Amino acid sequence: MTVNRETAVVHIYGLRRICGTEFRYIGQTANLRGRLQQHLRVEECSVGHPKRIWIEEELANGGGVEIVSLEECSWATATDREKYWIDHYSMLGHRLTNVAKPVGTGLGRSVDGIPKERTTVFLSDEQVKRLEALKERTGSPVADHIRRAIDFYLEFGDWLHDIETKIDRIIRNVV
């Protein structure tokens, strides 16, 4: 089926457990029924992808997945509206499978300092503003700052967690 992008109505949709309230995936399509069928053929996702794992678990437990239209819009605005709904449900605590990249898959070593793979990072508006300001001050690309932050966390994350745990214990003992 060919879709006329000038006139087609696009649905921004969410996938959830049948009769559930938590959305696990947000997407866009001109054909809700056809898109749901594509999602239910879990082979469309690589093994280990969070969406595939979630759908397989639902089906294995005798449940099902439903598609819900959240909004209708044009193709011209679909990507922005999809991002809006992803941000909206992420802020509400929904565990969206298209937001986080699974740990341990697709992360390759760099070759001569050039990463083998790109990773999408979702940032809040405040984080974007702060990174852009840092870029202006230092002249370094935003990606460099993100890589440094990840390196710092990987080096000192356990240490910081240990301190937070100790502070929590002290507070509990004092109170």
Protein backbone atom coordinates (compact mmCIF):
# COMPACT_ATOMS: atom_id res chain seq x y z
CA MET A 1 0.00 0.00 0.00
CA THR A 2 1.48 3.34 -1.09
CA VAL A 3 0.86 6.26 1.26
CA ASN A 4 0.47 9.80 -0.07
CA ARG A 5 2.56 11.78 2.41
CA GLU A 6 0.81 15.02 1.41
CA THR A 7 -2.66 13.87 2.45
CA ALA A 8 -2.19 10.86 4.74
CA VAL A 9 -3.15 11.03 8.38
CA VAL A 10 -0.40 9.77 10.65
CA HIS A 11 -1.18 8.15 13.99
CA ILE A 12 1.20 8.61 16.87
CA TYR A 13 0.54 5.40 18.78
CA GLY A 14 1.47 3.53 21.88
CA LEU A 15 1.84 -0.19 22.47
CA ARG A 16 0.76 -1.63 25.80
CA ARG A 17 -0.48 -4.85 27.39
CA ILE A 18 -4.13 -5.39 26.50
CA CYS A 19 -6.20 -3.35 28.99
CA GLY A 20 -2.96 -2.08 30.57
CA THR A 21 -2.15 1.49 31.43
CA GLU A 22 1.62 1.57 30.86
CA PHE A 23 2.84 2.20 27.34
CA ARG A 24 5.98 0.28 26.41
CA TYR A 25 6.58 1.68 22.92
CA ILE A 26 5.66 4.89 21.06
CA GLY A 27 5.72 5.09 17.28
CA GLN A 28 4.10 6.57 14.18
CA THR A 29 2.20 4.98 11.31
CA ALA A 30 -0.49 5.61 8.72
CA ASN A 31 -1.86 2.07 9.24
CA LEU A 32 -2.48 1.08 12.86
CA ARG A 33 -3.65 -2.48 12.18
CA GLY A 34 -0.79 -3.26 9.81
CA ARG A 35 1.79 -1.76 12.16
CA LEU A 36 0.51 -3.82 15.10
CA GLN A 37 0.87 -6.98 12.99
CA GLN A 38 4.46 -5.98 12.20
CA HIS A 39 5.23 -5.53 15.89
CA LEU A 40 3.72 -8.90 16.75
CA ARG A 41 6.14 -10.55 14.31
CA VAL A 42 8.90 -10.16 16.86
CA GLU A 43 11.55 -11.08 14.29
CA GLU A 44 11.48 -7.42 13.19
CA CYS A 45 13.63 -6.63 16.24
CA SER A 46 17.07 -8.03 16.91
CA VAL A 47 17.41 -10.64 19.63
CA GLY A 48 17.82 -8.92 22.99
CA HIS A 49 16.00 -5.74 21.95
CA PRO A 50 13.81 -4.57 24.86
CA LYS A 51 10.67 -4.35 22.70
CA ARG A 52 11.14 -7.89 21.42
CA ILE A 53 11.74 -9.21 24.94
CA TRP A 54 8.63 -7.42 26.25
CA ILE A 55 6.35 -8.65 23.43
CA GLU A 56 7.66 -12.23 23.72
CA GLU A 57 7.03 -12.18 27.49
CA GLU A 58 3.48 -10.88 27.04
CA LEU A 59 2.66 -13.55 24.48
CA ALA A 60 4.36 -16.34 26.46
CA ASN A 61 2.30 -15.42 29.54
CA GLY A 62 -0.95 -15.68 27.60
CA GLY A 63 -1.37 -11.93 27.32
CA GLY A 64 -1.50 -9.71 24.33
CA VAL A 65 -0.40 -6.35 23.04
CA GLU A 66 -2.70 -3.60 21.80
CA ILE A 67 -2.03 -0.47 19.78
CA VAL A 68 -3.64 2.81 20.87
CA SER A 69 -3.75 5.97 18.75
CA LEU A 70 -2.56 8.88 20.90
CA GLU A 71 -2.84 11.60 18.28
CA GLU A 72 -3.46 12.15 14.59
CA CYS A 73 -1.18 14.54 12.69
CA SER A 74 0.48 15.12 9.32
CA TRP A 75 3.72 13.52 8.11
CA ALA A 76 5.36 16.94 8.39
CA THR A 77 4.82 17.06 12.16
CA ALA A 78 4.88 13.33 12.97
CA THR A 79 8.47 13.07 14.20
CA ASP A 80 8.10 16.08 16.52
CA ARG A 81 4.79 14.78 17.86
CA GLU A 82 6.25 11.30 18.39
CA LYS A 83 9.13 12.83 20.37
CA TYR A 84 6.60 14.81 22.43
CA TRP A 85 4.72 11.62 23.39
CA ILE A 86 7.95 9.73 24.12
CA ASP A 87 9.04 12.57 26.43
CA HIS A 88 5.56 12.76 28.00
CA TYR A 89 5.31 9.07 28.89
CA SER A 90 8.97 8.86 29.90
CA MET A 91 8.36 11.68 32.40
CA LEU A 92 5.36 9.74 33.75
CA GLY A 93 7.63 6.76 34.43
CA HIS A 94 6.52 4.49 31.60
CA ARG A 95 9.27 2.00 30.76
CA LEU A 96 9.41 2.68 27.04
CA THR A 97 11.41 0.10 25.11
CA ASN A 98 12.33 2.53 22.33
CA VAL A 99 14.07 4.97 24.68
CA ALA A 100 16.87 2.96 26.26
CA LYS A 101 19.41 0.94 24.36
CA PRO A 102 19.95 -2.45 25.99
CA VAL A 103 23.19 -2.71 27.89
CA GLY A 104 25.74 -5.06 26.37
CA THR A 105 24.40 -5.16 22.83
CA GLY A 106 25.76 -3.17 19.94
CA LEU A 107 28.46 -1.47 22.00
CA GLY A 108 31.74 -2.02 20.20
CA ARG A 109 35.26 -0.89 20.90
CA SER A 110 36.60 2.09 19.05
CA VAL A 111 39.12 1.68 16.26
CA ASP A 112 41.77 4.41 16.26
CA GLY A 113 39.56 6.46 18.56
CA ILE A 114 36.56 6.31 16.23
CA PRO A 115 33.52 4.57 17.78
CA LYS A 116 32.21 1.54 15.89
CA GLU A 117 28.61 2.46 16.55
CA ARG A 118 26.53 5.49 17.36
CA THR A 119 24.14 5.51 20.29
CA THR A 120 21.10 7.74 20.65
CA VAL A 121 20.98 9.64 23.91
CA PHE A 122 17.71 11.25 24.98
CA LEU A 123 18.28 14.49 26.90
CA SER A 124 15.94 16.83 28.73
CA ASP A 125 15.60 20.41 27.49
CA GLU A 126 17.65 21.54 30.50
CA GLN A 127 20.45 19.09 29.70
CA VAL A 128 20.53 20.30 26.08
CA LYS A 129 20.79 23.94 27.22
CA ARG A 130 23.60 23.13 29.64
CA LEU A 131 25.53 21.12 27.05
CA GLU A 132 25.12 23.85 24.42
CA ALA A 133 26.43 26.43 26.93
CA LEU A 134 29.39 24.16 27.70
CA LYS A 135 30.04 23.78 23.97
CA GLU A 136 30.06 27.58 23.57
CA ARG A 137 32.47 28.03 26.51
CA THR A 138 34.91 25.30 25.52
CA GLY A 139 34.55 25.03 21.76
CA SER A 140 34.39 21.22 22.11
CA PRO A 141 31.61 19.21 20.43
CA VAL A 142 28.72 18.12 22.62
CA ALA A 143 29.55 14.46 21.91
CA ASP A 144 32.98 14.95 23.53
CA HIS A 145 31.35 16.22 26.74
CA ILE A 146 28.91 13.29 26.79
CA ARG A 147 31.77 10.78 26.30
CA ARG A 148 33.75 12.43 29.14
CA ALA A 149 30.71 12.27 31.43
CA ILE A 150 30.25 8.58 30.66
CA ASP A 151 33.95 7.90 31.25
CA PHE A 152 33.77 9.74 34.59
CA TYR A 153 30.71 7.78 35.66
CA LEU A 154 32.28 4.47 34.64
CA GLU A 155 35.44 5.33 36.59
CA PHE A 156 33.83 6.75 39.72
CA GLY A 157 30.20 5.52 39.63
CA ASP A 158 30.74 2.73 42.15
CA TRP A 159 32.61 5.09 44.46
CA LEU A 160 29.81 7.69 44.25
CA HIS A 161 27.20 4.99 44.88
CA ASP A 162 29.15 3.79 47.94
CA ILE A 163 29.20 7.33 49.36
CA GLU A 164 25.45 7.77 48.74
CA THR A 165 24.80 4.42 50.47
CA LYS A 166 26.91 5.44 53.47
CA ILE A 167 25.15 8.82 53.71
CA ASP A 168 21.77 7.05 53.62
CA ARG A 169 22.86 4.75 56.46
CA ILE A 170 24.07 7.69 58.55
CA ILE A 171 20.79 9.54 58.03
CA ARG A 172 18.77 6.43 58.99
CA ASN A 173 20.87 5.97 62.14
CA VAL A 174 20.51 9.64 63.15
CA VAL A 175 16.76 9.76 62.51
